[in-house]
Amino acid sequence: MGITVIGITHPGHAGALPGGTTVLVLADDGTHADEFLDTDFRAHQLVVRAHGRGSAFFAVADKALELGASRVLFGDFRDGAPDLATEEDPVLVLDSPRLIAFNASFAGRMCAWPRPASAYGDGLDTWLTGNAAKAGLRVVQPACPGIH
């Protein structure tokens, strides 16, 4: 397995990290940057500026593409990072609002999709699932059995 990028919006959202190379990315407006950087999470740590869930997601996703991540997990991982999005075929795991996960194949497709202003706000989940459906990509929603 290659690099796993885990995006969080608060230092308290980081739990047990997966094995291998992990980059923990805090996406916030600077409020928690010092606390995050002063904490040893036993992972590479980066801070990206973001305001709101959608912009935080895109900041983390863009950083993951830049780093060549094999998978990206975004959300609240106080219970530990799940073993998701490890397949080679493009997959999006959407357990909103707690978790969004995708692999490098999905990221490669996602980076070509236009990003409307609504995706930076409350429309992120709709943007992700709508574009994935148009592209015929697999979407897994653990909280909604039968939607795949």
Protein backbone atom coordinates (compact mmCIF):
# COMPACT_ATOMS: atom_id res chain seq x y z
CA MET A 1 0.00 0.00 0.00
CA GLY A 2 1.26 3.48 -0.81
CA ILE A 3 0.59 6.75 0.94
CA THR A 4 -2.63 7.20 2.90
CA VAL A 5 -3.73 10.81 3.34
CA ILE A 6 -6.09 11.42 6.24
CA GLY A 7 -7.84 14.78 6.30
CA ILE A 8 -9.31 16.17 9.51
CA THR A 9 -10.79 19.53 10.49
CA HIS A 10 -9.86 19.38 14.19
CA PRO A 11 -6.87 17.78 15.97
CA GLY A 12 -9.29 15.86 18.19
CA HIS A 13 -10.60 13.98 15.15
CA ALA A 14 -7.40 11.94 14.75
CA GLY A 15 -7.47 8.46 16.27
CA ALA A 16 -5.43 5.34 15.62
CA LEU A 17 -3.70 5.64 12.27
CA PRO A 18 -3.23 2.81 9.75
CA GLY A 19 0.12 1.17 9.19
CA GLY A 20 2.34 2.26 6.34
CA THR A 21 3.06 5.80 5.22
CA THR A 22 0.40 8.15 6.54
CA VAL A 23 0.11 11.89 6.00
CA LEU A 24 -2.28 13.58 8.42
CA VAL A 25 -3.63 16.84 6.99
CA LEU A 26 -5.43 19.41 9.11
CA ALA A 27 -7.74 21.56 7.00
CA ASP A 28 -8.98 24.58 8.94
CA ASP A 29 -8.90 28.36 9.11
CA GLY A 30 -5.78 28.40 11.27
CA THR A 31 -7.61 28.11 14.58
CA HIS A 32 -6.11 24.72 15.49
CA ALA A 33 -2.86 24.74 13.49
CA ASP A 34 -0.49 25.25 16.44
CA GLU A 35 -2.20 22.59 18.56
CA PHE A 36 -2.08 20.18 15.62
CA LEU A 37 1.58 20.79 14.82
CA ASP A 38 2.58 20.55 18.51
CA THR A 39 1.00 17.09 18.82
CA ASP A 40 2.99 14.00 17.85
CA PHE A 41 0.55 11.86 15.87
CA ARG A 42 3.38 9.57 14.67
CA ALA A 43 2.66 10.55 11.07
CA HIS A 44 3.73 13.19 8.61
CA GLN A 45 1.68 16.31 9.38
CA LEU A 46 0.58 19.15 7.09
CA VAL A 47 -1.78 22.09 7.49
CA VAL A 48 -3.88 23.49 4.65
CA ARG A 49 -6.14 26.55 4.89
CA ALA A 50 -9.85 26.02 4.47
CA HIS A 51 -13.16 27.52 5.52
CA GLY A 52 -16.02 25.03 5.70
CA ARG A 53 -16.42 21.34 4.94
CA GLY A 54 -16.34 21.53 1.14
CA SER A 55 -13.27 23.73 0.94
CA ALA A 56 -11.55 21.54 3.57
CA PHE A 57 -12.32 18.43 1.52
CA PHE A 58 -10.92 19.95 -1.68
CA ALA A 59 -7.80 21.23 0.09
CA VAL A 60 -7.11 17.72 1.41
CA ALA A 61 -7.95 16.05 -1.93
CA ASP A 62 -5.65 18.43 -3.83
CA LYS A 63 -2.81 17.81 -1.36
CA ALA A 64 -3.35 14.04 -1.71
CA LEU A 65 -3.08 14.29 -5.51
CA GLU A 66 0.10 16.34 -5.13
CA LEU A 67 1.57 13.66 -2.83
CA GLY A 68 0.51 10.75 -5.06
CA ALA A 69 -1.66 9.17 -2.35
CA SER A 70 -3.09 5.72 -2.99
CA ARG A 71 -6.14 6.53 -0.86
CA VAL A 72 -7.71 9.45 0.96
CA LEU A 73 -9.82 9.41 4.11
CA PHE A 74 -11.58 12.62 5.15
CA GLY A 75 -13.60 13.13 8.30
CA ASP A 76 -13.68 12.18 11.97
CA PHE A 77 -11.39 9.29 12.91
CA ARG A 78 -11.54 9.30 16.71
CA ASP A 79 -12.39 5.59 16.52
CA GLY A 80 -9.44 4.94 14.21
CA ALA A 81 -9.01 5.04 10.45
CA PRO A 82 -11.07 2.35 8.71
CA ASP A 83 -9.64 0.05 6.06
CA LEU A 84 -11.60 1.53 3.15
CA ALA A 85 -10.97 2.45 -0.47
CA THR A 86 -8.10 0.00 -0.89
CA GLU A 87 -9.29 -1.42 -4.23
CA GLU A 88 -7.71 -0.56 -7.56
CA ASP A 89 -10.99 0.17 -9.36
CA PRO A 90 -12.35 3.67 -8.69
CA VAL A 91 -14.44 3.72 -5.52
CA LEU A 92 -16.02 6.40 -3.34
CA VAL A 93 -17.12 5.52 0.19
CA LEU A 94 -19.56 8.08 1.54
CA ASP A 95 -20.68 7.71 5.14
CA SER A 96 -21.72 11.31 5.52
CA PRO A 97 -21.26 13.42 7.47
CA ARG A 98 -18.64 11.38 9.32
CA LEU A 99 -16.50 10.00 6.52
CA ILE A 100 -15.56 10.32 2.87
CA ALA A 101 -12.99 7.88 1.46
CA PHE A 102 -11.70 7.31 -2.06
CA ASN A 103 -8.78 5.70 -3.83
CA ALA A 104 -6.25 7.04 -6.33
CA SER A 105 -8.28 5.79 -9.31
CA PHE A 106 -11.30 7.77 -8.12
CA ALA A 107 -9.12 10.84 -7.41
CA GLY A 108 -7.81 10.73 -10.96
CA ARG A 109 -11.35 10.97 -12.30
CA MET A 110 -12.52 13.48 -9.70
CA CYS A 111 -9.81 16.03 -10.50
CA ALA A 112 -11.30 16.49 -13.99
CA TRP A 113 -14.79 17.36 -12.75
CA PRO A 114 -15.74 21.06 -12.65
CA ARG A 115 -16.14 22.34 -9.09
CA PRO A 116 -19.15 24.62 -8.75
CA ALA A 117 -19.41 26.97 -5.78
CA SER A 118 -22.10 24.74 -4.24
CA ALA A 119 -19.57 21.89 -3.90
CA TYR A 120 -17.49 24.04 -1.56
CA GLY A 121 -20.43 24.29 0.82
CA ASP A 122 -23.31 22.00 1.67
CA GLY A 123 -23.45 20.53 -1.83
CA LEU A 124 -20.26 18.44 -1.55
CA ASP A 125 -21.98 15.06 -1.13
CA THR A 126 -24.38 15.79 -4.00
CA TRP A 127 -21.46 16.85 -6.22
CA LEU A 128 -19.47 13.70 -5.39
CA THR A 129 -22.31 11.22 -5.86
CA GLY A 130 -23.73 12.96 -8.93
CA ASN A 131 -20.42 13.03 -10.77
CA ALA A 132 -19.57 9.48 -9.73
CA ALA A 133 -22.93 8.27 -11.05
CA LYS A 134 -22.47 10.11 -14.37
CA ALA A 135 -19.04 8.50 -14.73
CA GLY A 136 -20.37 5.05 -13.80
CA LEU A 137 -18.12 4.79 -10.75
CA ARG A 138 -18.87 2.71 -7.70
CA VAL A 139 -20.27 4.54 -4.67
CA VAL A 140 -20.60 2.74 -1.34
CA GLN A 141 -22.79 4.24 1.36
CA PRO A 142 -22.52 2.02 4.47
CA ALA A 143 -25.37 3.85 6.25
CA CYS A 144 -27.69 3.23 3.26
CA PRO A 145 -27.59 -0.46 2.31
CA GLY A 146 -28.66 -1.05 -1.25
CA ILE A 147 -27.14 2.14 -2.65
CA HIS A 148 -24.03 1.06 -4.58
